[in-house]
Amino acid sequence: MGSTINDIAREAGVSIATVSRVINGSAQVSEETKKKVKKVMEMLNYSPSLIARGLKLKSMKNIALFVSSFLNVNHMRIAHEINSHFSKLDYDVVMYETGNSTEGLARAMKRIIEKGMDGAIFIGSSFQVLLEKSEETKKLISSIPTTIANGWVEGTYGIFVDEYKGMKDAVKHLVSINRRRLLYLKGTDSISSDNKLAGFIDGCKEEGLEEFTHIRSENDIETTRRLFDERNLASKYDGIICDEDNYALVVIKTLKHLGVRVPEDVAVIGCNNSDFSSLSSPGITTVNNKPEDQGIECAIILNEILSKGSRLEKKILITIEPELVIRESTSLS
């Protein structure tokens, strides 16, 4: 068993209260006593109990980070920025994978509250739905400072990406290179993907296009090839927008398999500005929804709340504007 605060006090010849003051950085202890106590702590390899210290300082220096899946690369980019930000502030970031289960989310939230964590960040618009499904999760939100990347629920602080505008910009770009028969492929179901689809539809209407449609389908190679074969999509459309970069990569591979040239015959656009988009051949034109900016803004807001020791007076909804990154999949030059 490790050394205790009683062992330190006895070995240093001081009271337990004095050792506690040294651990918590109190100015009431002389420099000479501090040095003596710290020397004993090093000699006995003593590490103060984080829980005991947290209770004293009313802070565990822990942040809970929720994701629906560790396999979502875009969300991991957001998580990386959040972790980097709080690590510099001497916080530990603990990640929880919840899937799409309200019950699992409620259990995880109970655990972080029981552990006395300082705050929570949810990554992804799916949590906007999950958190509002249950009265239990709504109550839990009110007990801990919370921010959401690309979402918002009453009692939280939200960071939004205007993906609706991003998709309208993508449509406008395709029209500018004389693509007027457009297809939108939706591979995911979430508020974010619904906003993207709405931007595509409204963008096509504003551009006066008559031939456009959207399809919801799984984004794996086998399903996509079957979809293109059965509906003859490669000959019907000269521009395709996908809701994720990985789907755009699957589409490009499918078109190559069919002997269709990208972008000469069909131009392709993805979303997220992931490594898929830059490493693909051809490189994929993509809507950059700036995940790194999302992570930084979430961390800044939550840190401001924790620094003030209370909720911020005003409701915070920050909107990040995406940008179109043009690469070879739509470039005819």
Protein backbone atom coordinates (compact mmCIF):
# COMPACT_ATOMS: atom_id res chain seq x y z
CA MET A 1 0.00 0.00 0.00
CA GLY A 2 1.28 3.49 -0.85
CA SER A 3 2.22 6.20 1.61
CA THR A 4 -0.51 8.32 3.14
CA ILE A 5 -0.70 11.92 4.27
CA ASN A 6 -0.30 10.62 7.84
CA ASP A 7 3.01 9.00 6.90
CA ILE A 8 4.25 12.27 5.41
CA ALA A 9 3.25 14.26 8.50
CA ARG A 10 4.91 11.79 10.88
CA GLU A 11 8.16 11.58 8.88
CA ALA A 12 8.39 15.38 8.40
CA GLY A 13 7.48 16.12 12.01
CA VAL A 14 4.54 18.37 11.10
CA SER A 15 0.78 18.22 11.42
CA ILE A 16 -1.54 16.62 8.85
CA ALA A 17 -3.05 20.08 8.27
CA THR A 18 0.39 21.43 7.34
CA VAL A 19 0.94 18.64 4.82
CA SER A 20 -2.50 19.36 3.32
CA ARG A 21 -1.62 23.07 3.00
CA VAL A 22 1.63 22.19 1.20
CA ILE A 23 -0.21 19.89 -1.23
CA ASN A 24 -2.75 22.60 -2.02
CA GLY A 25 -0.17 25.39 -2.39
CA SER A 26 -1.25 27.43 0.63
CA ALA A 27 0.71 30.59 1.39
CA GLN A 28 0.32 29.94 5.12
CA VAL A 29 3.30 27.56 5.18
CA SER A 30 6.90 28.81 5.34
CA GLU A 31 9.28 28.01 2.49
CA GLU A 32 11.49 25.99 4.82
CA THR A 33 8.56 23.77 5.90
CA LYS A 34 7.40 23.37 2.29
CA LYS A 35 10.84 22.15 1.26
CA LYS A 36 10.96 19.68 4.16
CA VAL A 37 7.51 18.26 3.42
CA LYS A 38 8.14 18.00 -0.33
CA LYS A 39 11.45 16.23 0.30
CA VAL A 40 9.66 13.62 2.41
CA MET A 41 6.96 13.25 -0.26
CA GLU A 42 9.62 12.53 -2.87
CA MET A 43 11.44 10.13 -0.55
CA LEU A 44 8.24 8.15 0.11
CA ASN A 45 7.12 8.43 -3.55
CA TYR A 46 3.86 9.99 -2.41
CA SER A 47 1.20 11.11 -4.90
CA PRO A 48 -1.70 13.16 -3.49
CA SER A 49 -5.13 11.65 -3.97
CA LEU A 50 -6.67 13.38 -6.96
CA ILE A 51 -10.15 12.84 -5.55
CA ALA A 52 -9.24 14.32 -2.17
CA ARG A 53 -7.51 17.26 -3.82
CA GLY A 54 -10.43 17.72 -6.18
CA LEU A 55 -12.86 17.95 -3.31
CA LYS A 56 -10.64 20.55 -1.67
CA LEU A 57 -10.31 22.66 -4.82
CA LYS A 58 -13.84 21.89 -6.10
CA SER A 59 -12.27 20.71 -9.35
CA MET A 60 -11.18 17.28 -10.55
CA LYS A 61 -9.42 18.78 -13.61
CA ASN A 62 -11.23 16.20 -15.74
CA ILE A 63 -13.27 16.75 -18.91
CA ALA A 64 -15.60 14.12 -20.35
CA LEU A 65 -15.66 13.85 -24.13
CA PHE A 66 -18.52 11.95 -25.80
CA VAL A 67 -18.47 10.47 -29.31
CA SER A 68 -20.94 8.08 -30.89
CA SER A 69 -18.13 6.04 -32.47
CA PHE A 70 -14.35 6.00 -32.26
CA LEU A 71 -14.37 5.05 -35.96
CA ASN A 72 -15.67 8.47 -37.06
CA VAL A 73 -12.48 10.10 -38.36
CA ASN A 74 -14.02 13.57 -38.59
CA HIS A 75 -15.10 13.46 -34.95
CA MET A 76 -11.66 12.23 -33.90
CA ARG A 77 -10.15 15.35 -35.50
CA ILE A 78 -12.44 17.47 -33.31
CA ALA A 79 -11.52 15.38 -30.26
CA HIS A 80 -7.81 15.85 -30.95
CA GLU A 81 -8.12 19.66 -30.79
CA ILE A 82 -10.17 19.51 -27.59
CA ASN A 83 -7.66 17.20 -25.93
CA SER A 84 -4.72 19.38 -27.05
CA HIS A 85 -6.37 22.52 -25.66
CA PHE A 86 -7.20 21.07 -22.24
CA SER A 87 -3.91 19.20 -21.89
CA LYS A 88 -2.15 22.56 -21.95
CA LEU A 89 -4.41 23.64 -19.09
CA ASP A 90 -3.44 20.53 -17.07
CA TYR A 91 -6.83 18.82 -17.54
CA ASP A 92 -7.31 15.13 -18.25
CA VAL A 93 -9.75 14.37 -21.08
CA VAL A 94 -11.66 11.09 -20.76
CA MET A 95 -13.45 9.81 -23.87
CA TYR A 96 -16.70 7.84 -23.89
CA GLU A 97 -18.11 5.96 -26.89
CA THR A 98 -21.91 5.84 -26.57
CA GLY A 99 -23.22 4.54 -29.90
CA ASN A 100 -26.73 5.78 -30.64
CA SER A 101 -28.29 4.52 -27.42
CA THR A 102 -30.09 6.97 -25.11
CA GLU A 103 -29.80 4.48 -22.27
CA GLY A 104 -26.06 4.06 -22.78
CA LEU A 105 -25.62 7.83 -22.90
CA ALA A 106 -27.57 8.30 -19.66
CA ARG A 107 -25.44 5.67 -17.91
CA ALA A 108 -22.22 7.31 -19.07
CA MET A 109 -23.41 10.76 -17.97
CA LYS A 110 -24.31 9.45 -14.52
CA ARG A 111 -20.80 8.05 -14.18
CA ILE A 112 -19.09 11.32 -15.05
CA ILE A 113 -21.27 13.23 -12.59
CA GLU A 114 -20.57 10.67 -9.85
CA LYS A 115 -16.85 11.04 -10.60
CA GLY A 116 -17.10 14.80 -10.18
CA MET A 117 -15.92 15.73 -13.66
CA ASP A 118 -15.78 19.44 -14.38
CA GLY A 119 -17.46 19.57 -17.78
CA ALA A 120 -18.58 17.63 -20.83
CA ILE A 121 -18.30 18.03 -24.59
CA PHE A 122 -20.42 16.11 -27.09
CA ILE A 123 -19.15 15.70 -30.65
CA GLY A 124 -21.69 15.42 -33.45
CA SER A 125 -25.24 16.47 -34.26
CA SER A 126 -26.52 13.00 -33.31
CA PHE A 127 -26.24 14.03 -29.65
CA GLN A 128 -28.73 16.83 -30.25
CA VAL A 129 -31.29 14.09 -30.87
CA LEU A 130 -30.10 11.69 -28.17
CA LEU A 131 -29.97 14.31 -25.41
CA GLU A 132 -33.51 15.49 -26.17
CA LYS A 133 -35.00 12.00 -26.26
CA SER A 134 -34.88 11.48 -22.52
CA GLU A 135 -35.94 13.60 -19.55
CA GLU A 136 -33.18 11.90 -17.61
CA THR A 137 -30.42 13.18 -19.90
CA LYS A 138 -31.99 16.65 -19.90
CA LYS A 139 -31.73 16.74 -16.09
CA LEU A 140 -28.16 15.51 -16.18
CA ILE A 141 -27.19 18.31 -18.59
CA SER A 142 -28.31 20.90 -16.06
CA SER A 143 -25.84 19.55 -13.48
CA ILE A 144 -22.64 19.94 -15.52
CA PRO A 145 -21.33 22.61 -17.96
CA THR A 146 -21.73 21.24 -21.49
CA THR A 147 -20.86 22.19 -25.07
CA ILE A 148 -21.86 20.41 -28.29
CA ALA A 149 -19.90 20.36 -31.54
CA ASN A 150 -22.37 20.89 -34.39
CA GLY A 151 -25.47 20.81 -32.22
CA TRP A 152 -27.40 22.47 -29.43
CA VAL A 153 -29.82 21.47 -26.66
CA GLU A 154 -31.42 23.72 -24.04
CA GLY A 155 -28.93 24.17 -21.21
CA THR A 156 -25.84 23.65 -23.40
CA TYR A 157 -23.59 25.83 -25.53
CA GLY A 158 -23.53 25.03 -29.23
CA ILE A 159 -21.01 25.26 -32.06
CA PHE A 160 -22.62 24.99 -35.50
CA VAL A 161 -21.16 24.49 -38.95
CA ASP A 162 -23.28 26.00 -41.72
CA GLU A 163 -23.19 22.85 -43.86
CA TYR A 164 -26.41 23.98 -45.53
CA LYS A 165 -24.49 26.87 -47.10
CA GLY A 166 -21.54 24.59 -47.81
CA MET A 167 -23.69 22.35 -49.99
CA LYS A 168 -25.24 25.31 -51.79
CA ASP A 169 -21.70 26.46 -52.61
CA ALA A 170 -20.91 22.96 -53.90
CA VAL A 171 -23.92 23.08 -56.24
CA LYS A 172 -22.92 26.53 -57.46
CA HIS A 173 -19.42 25.27 -58.21
CA LEU A 174 -20.73 22.35 -60.29
CA VAL A 175 -22.99 24.69 -62.27
CA SER A 176 -19.97 26.95 -62.90
CA ILE A 177 -18.24 24.06 -64.70
CA ASN A 178 -21.40 23.36 -66.70
CA ARG A 179 -22.75 20.44 -64.69
CA ARG A 180 -26.56 20.66 -64.56
CA ARG A 181 -27.71 17.09 -63.94
CA LEU A 182 -26.90 16.58 -60.28
CA LEU A 183 -27.19 13.69 -57.83
CA TYR A 184 -26.81 13.84 -54.05
CA LEU A 185 -25.82 10.63 -52.25
CA LYS A 186 -26.71 10.50 -48.55
CA GLY A 187 -24.84 7.79 -46.67
CA THR A 188 -25.63 8.82 -43.09
CA ASP A 189 -28.67 9.79 -41.03
CA SER A 190 -28.26 12.77 -38.72
CA ILE A 191 -29.25 16.41 -38.34
CA SER A 192 -25.98 17.31 -40.04
CA SER A 193 -26.66 15.12 -43.07
CA ASP A 194 -30.23 16.46 -43.27
CA ASN A 195 -28.89 20.03 -43.32
CA LYS A 196 -26.49 19.11 -46.13
CA LEU A 197 -29.30 17.60 -48.17
CA ALA A 198 -31.47 20.68 -47.67
CA GLY A 199 -28.61 22.87 -48.90
CA PHE A 200 -28.25 20.68 -52.00
CA ILE A 201 -31.96 20.84 -52.84
CA ASP A 202 -32.28 24.58 -52.29
CA GLY A 203 -29.04 25.21 -54.16
CA CYS A 204 -30.34 23.29 -57.20
CA LYS A 205 -33.60 25.23 -57.13
CA GLU A 206 -31.82 28.58 -56.87
CA GLU A 207 -29.62 27.67 -59.84
CA GLY A 208 -32.72 26.82 -61.88
CA LEU A 209 -31.76 23.16 -62.35
CA GLU A 210 -34.44 20.78 -63.57
CA GLU A 211 -32.60 17.45 -63.34
CA PHE A 212 -31.52 16.73 -59.78
CA THR A 213 -32.33 14.12 -57.18
CA HIS A 214 -31.03 12.48 -54.01
CA ILE A 215 -30.65 8.87 -52.88
CA ARG A 216 -30.17 7.41 -49.41
CA SER A 217 -27.89 4.38 -49.57
CA GLU A 218 -25.16 2.58 -47.66
CA ASN A 219 -21.74 3.85 -48.68
CA ASP A 220 -19.80 0.62 -49.10
CA ILE A 221 -18.29 -0.48 -52.42
CA GLU A 222 -20.60 -3.44 -53.06
CA THR A 223 -23.83 -1.52 -52.40
CA THR A 224 -22.68 1.50 -54.40
CA ARG A 225 -21.69 -0.57 -57.44
CA ARG A 226 -25.05 -2.34 -57.36
CA LEU A 227 -26.83 1.01 -57.03
CA PHE A 228 -25.02 2.48 -60.05
CA ASP A 229 -25.63 -0.65 -62.12
CA GLU A 230 -29.33 -0.96 -61.30
CA ARG A 231 -30.17 2.73 -61.81
CA ASN A 232 -27.65 3.55 -64.55
CA LEU A 233 -26.57 6.61 -62.52
CA ALA A 234 -23.29 7.27 -64.35
CA SER A 235 -25.11 8.12 -67.58
CA LYS A 236 -27.97 10.05 -65.97
CA TYR A 237 -25.90 12.56 -63.98
CA ASP A 238 -22.80 14.63 -64.72
CA GLY A 239 -22.25 15.89 -61.16
CA ILE A 240 -22.41 13.95 -57.87
CA ILE A 241 -22.22 15.35 -54.34
CA CYS A 242 -21.69 12.96 -51.40
CA ASP A 243 -22.37 13.73 -47.75
CA GLU A 244 -18.94 12.40 -46.66
CA ASP A 245 -15.48 12.19 -48.28
CA ASN A 246 -15.29 8.42 -47.80
CA TYR A 247 -18.53 8.07 -49.82
CA ALA A 248 -17.06 10.28 -52.55
CA LEU A 249 -14.00 7.99 -52.65
CA VAL A 250 -16.26 4.95 -53.04
CA VAL A 251 -18.15 6.70 -55.86
CA ILE A 252 -14.90 7.56 -57.71
CA LYS A 253 -13.74 3.93 -57.46
CA THR A 254 -17.14 2.79 -58.73
CA LEU A 255 -17.01 5.18 -61.68
CA LYS A 256 -13.51 4.00 -62.58
CA HIS A 257 -14.76 0.41 -62.45
CA LEU A 258 -17.47 1.39 -64.96
CA GLY A 259 -14.95 3.11 -67.25
CA VAL A 260 -16.33 6.58 -66.44
CA ARG A 261 -13.80 9.43 -66.27
CA VAL A 262 -13.65 11.81 -63.29
CA PRO A 263 -14.08 14.73 -63.79
CA GLU A 264 -14.39 14.66 -67.60
CA ASP A 265 -17.61 12.61 -67.60
CA VAL A 266 -18.80 13.01 -64.01
CA ALA A 267 -17.56 15.54 -61.43
CA VAL A 268 -17.56 14.45 -57.77
CA ILE A 269 -17.65 16.44 -54.51
CA GLY A 270 -17.35 15.16 -50.92
CA CYS A 271 -17.53 16.71 -47.47
CA ASN A 272 -15.19 17.02 -44.42
CA ASN A 273 -11.84 17.77 -46.11
CA SER A 274 -10.47 14.52 -44.70
CA ASP A 275 -7.27 12.69 -45.66
CA PHE A 276 -9.43 10.69 -48.08
CA SER A 277 -9.99 13.83 -50.12
CA SER A 278 -6.35 14.88 -50.41
CA LEU A 279 -4.83 11.40 -50.90
CA SER A 280 -7.39 10.12 -53.41
CA SER A 281 -6.56 9.94 -57.11
CA PRO A 282 -7.94 12.20 -58.37
CA GLY A 283 -7.99 14.49 -55.34
CA ILE A 284 -11.54 15.09 -54.16
CA THR A 285 -13.13 18.53 -54.17
CA THR A 286 -14.71 18.81 -50.73
CA VAL A 287 -16.69 21.02 -48.36
CA ASN A 288 -14.30 21.77 -45.49
CA ASN A 289 -16.50 21.87 -42.38
CA LYS A 290 -13.47 22.81 -40.28
CA PRO A 291 -13.51 20.15 -37.53
CA GLU A 292 -10.39 21.62 -35.94
CA ASP A 293 -12.15 24.98 -35.52
CA GLN A 294 -15.13 23.19 -33.98
CA GLY A 295 -12.90 21.53 -31.40
CA ILE A 296 -11.08 24.74 -30.51
CA GLU A 297 -14.31 26.73 -30.09
CA CYS A 298 -15.86 24.01 -27.90
CA ALA A 299 -12.78 23.94 -25.68
CA ILE A 300 -12.56 27.74 -25.40
CA ILE A 301 -16.21 28.09 -24.37
CA LEU A 302 -16.09 25.29 -21.81
CA ASN A 303 -12.85 26.62 -20.34
CA GLU A 304 -14.41 30.07 -20.02
CA ILE A 305 -17.35 28.57 -18.12
CA LEU A 306 -15.03 26.65 -15.80
CA SER A 307 -12.80 29.70 -15.25
CA LYS A 308 -15.75 31.82 -14.19
CA GLY A 309 -17.00 29.07 -11.89
CA SER A 310 -20.56 29.42 -13.18
CA ARG A 311 -22.64 29.30 -16.32
CA LEU A 312 -22.17 32.10 -18.80
CA GLU A 313 -24.89 34.73 -18.69
CA LYS A 314 -25.84 34.54 -22.35
CA LYS A 315 -26.69 31.57 -24.50
CA ILE A 316 -23.81 30.92 -26.87
CA LEU A 317 -24.40 29.67 -30.41
CA ILE A 318 -21.33 30.02 -32.61
CA THR A 319 -21.62 29.41 -36.35
CA ILE A 320 -18.59 28.34 -38.36
CA GLU A 321 -18.70 28.96 -42.11
CA PRO A 322 -17.31 26.10 -44.22
CA GLU A 323 -15.32 26.58 -47.40
CA LEU A 324 -15.10 24.67 -50.66
CA VAL A 325 -11.68 23.13 -51.33
CA ILE A 326 -11.37 22.55 -55.07
CA ARG A 327 -9.29 19.59 -56.27
CA GLU A 328 -9.00 17.40 -59.35
CA SER A 329 -12.38 15.62 -59.06
CA THR A 330 -14.08 18.78 -60.40
CA SER A 331 -11.17 20.55 -62.09
CA LEU A 332 -11.22 20.34 -65.89
CA SER A 333 -8.01 22.34 -66.42
